Protein backbone atom coordinates (compact mmCIF):
# COMPACT_ATOMS: atom_id res chain seq x y z
CA MET A 1 1.04 -12.40 -15.94
CA ASP A 2 -2.66 -11.59 -16.09
CA SER A 3 -4.68 -9.62 -13.52
CA ASN A 4 -6.18 -12.72 -11.88
CA GLU A 5 -2.72 -14.21 -11.26
CA LEU A 6 -1.50 -10.90 -9.84
CA ARG A 7 -4.57 -10.61 -7.64
CA LYS A 8 -3.84 -14.06 -6.17
CA ILE A 9 -0.24 -13.07 -5.45
CA TYR A 10 -1.41 -10.06 -3.43
CA GLU A 11 -4.26 -11.92 -1.71
CA ASN A 12 -1.75 -14.53 -0.54
CA SER A 13 1.07 -12.20 0.50
CA PRO A 14 2.57 -13.74 3.66
CA PHE A 15 3.65 -10.35 5.03
CA ASN A 16 0.29 -8.65 4.38
CA ASN A 17 -1.53 -11.62 5.90
CA LEU A 18 0.69 -11.46 9.01
CA LEU A 19 -0.27 -7.81 9.56
CA GLY A 20 -3.95 -8.33 8.69
CA ILE A 21 -3.87 -6.32 5.45
CA LYS A 22 -6.76 -7.33 3.19
CA LEU A 23 -7.02 -6.81 -0.55
CA ALA A 24 -10.34 -4.97 -0.91
CA GLU A 25 -10.11 -4.16 -4.63
CA PHE A 26 -7.76 -5.13 -7.45
CA GLU A 27 -8.10 -3.79 -10.98
CA GLU A 28 -5.53 -2.49 -13.41
CA GLY A 29 -4.44 0.84 -11.97
CA LYS A 30 -6.77 0.64 -8.97
CA VAL A 31 -5.85 -1.27 -5.84
CA VAL A 32 -7.37 -0.76 -2.40
CA TYR A 33 -6.11 -2.36 0.80
CA SER A 34 -7.91 -2.35 4.13
CA LEU A 35 -6.57 -2.94 7.60
CA GLU A 36 -8.63 -3.20 10.75
CA THR A 37 -6.21 -2.01 13.40
CA ARG A 38 -5.61 -4.16 16.46
CA PRO A 39 -3.50 -4.03 19.64
CA SER A 40 -0.49 -5.65 17.91
CA HIS A 41 -0.28 -2.54 15.66
CA LEU A 42 0.19 -0.20 18.64
CA ASN A 43 3.46 1.47 19.59
CA VAL A 44 4.60 2.23 23.15
CA ASN A 45 2.42 5.37 23.16
CA GLN A 46 -0.68 3.26 22.47
CA ALA A 47 -1.05 4.74 18.96
CA ILE A 48 -0.86 2.88 15.66
CA HIS A 49 2.84 2.55 14.85
CA GLY A 50 4.11 4.69 11.95
CA GLY A 51 5.58 1.55 10.41
CA VAL A 52 2.06 0.22 9.92
CA TYR A 53 1.15 3.33 7.93
CA PHE A 54 4.38 3.02 5.93
CA THR A 55 3.89 -0.67 5.19
CA LEU A 56 0.32 -0.12 4.05
CA LEU A 57 1.32 2.76 1.76
CA ASP A 58 4.37 0.99 0.32
CA SER A 59 2.29 -2.12 -0.34
CA VAL A 60 -0.61 -0.34 -2.04
CA MET A 61 1.67 1.79 -4.22
CA GLY A 62 3.66 -1.28 -5.27
CA ALA A 63 0.55 -3.34 -6.04
CA THR A 64 -1.01 -0.47 -8.00
CA ILE A 65 2.13 -0.07 -10.10
CA ARG A 66 2.48 -3.79 -10.73
CA SER A 67 -1.18 -4.03 -11.75
CA VAL A 68 -0.28 -1.72 -14.65
CA VAL A 69 3.30 -2.60 -15.61
CA LYS A 70 2.88 -6.38 -15.07
CA LEU A 71 6.50 -6.68 -13.92
CA PRO A 72 8.01 -7.20 -10.48
CA ILE A 73 9.09 -3.94 -8.86
CA VAL A 74 11.19 -2.83 -5.90
CA THR A 75 10.98 0.32 -3.81
CA ILE A 76 13.77 2.83 -4.36
CA ASN A 77 12.56 5.64 -2.11
CA THR A 78 9.48 6.69 -0.18
CA SER A 79 8.51 9.93 1.52
CA ILE A 80 5.60 9.88 3.94
CA ASN A 81 3.60 12.55 5.76
CA TYR A 82 1.57 11.61 8.82
CA PHE A 83 -1.47 13.83 9.37
CA ALA A 84 -3.56 12.20 12.10
CA PRO A 85 -3.51 9.20 14.41
CA VAL A 86 -5.62 6.15 13.73
CA ALA A 87 -7.33 4.67 16.79
CA ASN A 88 -7.10 1.01 17.66
CA GLY A 89 -10.05 -0.80 16.10
CA GLU A 90 -10.48 1.68 13.23
CA THR A 91 -10.21 0.51 9.63
CA MET A 92 -7.49 2.04 7.48
CA LEU A 93 -8.12 2.16 3.72
CA ALA A 94 -5.14 2.61 1.41
CA LYS A 95 -5.22 3.49 -2.27
CA ALA A 96 -2.68 4.74 -4.77
CA LYS A 97 -2.25 6.17 -8.24
CA ILE A 98 0.65 6.29 -10.64
CA ILE A 99 1.85 9.85 -11.16
CA GLN A 100 4.76 9.16 -13.55
CA GLU A 101 6.01 6.14 -15.49
CA GLY A 102 9.30 5.99 -17.34
CA GLY A 103 11.18 3.14 -18.96
CA SER A 104 12.44 1.65 -15.70
CA ILE A 105 11.24 3.99 -12.92
CA VAL A 106 7.67 4.56 -11.75
CA THR A 107 6.45 7.08 -9.17
CA ALA A 108 3.18 6.71 -7.28
CA GLU A 109 1.23 8.53 -4.61
CA GLY A 110 -0.59 6.68 -1.87
CA THR A 111 -3.19 7.78 0.68
CA ILE A 112 -4.57 6.26 3.86
CA GLU A 113 -8.11 7.28 4.77
CA ASP A 114 -10.93 6.07 6.96
CA GLU A 115 -14.32 5.01 5.63
CA ASN A 116 -15.48 8.67 5.71
CA GLY A 117 -12.61 9.95 3.57
CA HIS A 118 -10.63 11.50 6.45
CA VAL A 119 -6.95 11.43 5.41
CA PHE A 120 -4.43 10.04 7.93
CA ALA A 121 -1.27 9.88 5.80
CA LYS A 122 0.09 10.37 2.30
CA ALA A 123 3.24 9.06 0.65
CA THR A 124 5.10 9.38 -2.59
CA GLY A 125 7.16 6.40 -3.67
CA THR A 126 9.65 5.71 -6.43
CA PHE A 127 9.91 2.14 -7.70
CA LYS A 128 12.13 0.30 -10.18
CA LYS A 129 10.80 -2.22 -12.69
CA ILE A 130 12.67 -5.52 -12.49
CA ARG A 131 13.15 -7.36 -15.76
CA ASN A 132 14.52 -10.83 -16.52
CA ILE A 133 13.57 -12.59 -13.30
């Protein structure tokens, strides 16, 4: 599958579209997602729900890996650290990089920042390449 086909898959992701996640950049090894937060992303404390951070990080790490390995992947494990709250109406930018690739397992690191580079969360994720689909 070439990069243009992969890009279309991620641009048309039903789940990402439901949440409002936009594909801002898609190149081999470099994917950036953006999300303008809205009231539906808030938890009961009126802060952006941690699941929104997690979803954004899992998605950007997965897309970054797939842009390189060109195979479907699934998440095995993810560890996330939350550093600061994002306010409703702010834009979250997520990016990732591959930190290790083996024969069937790939590990990536993802970061959520604002437009000024202020870091809100970081995650490390381990993913498995799926062959023969």
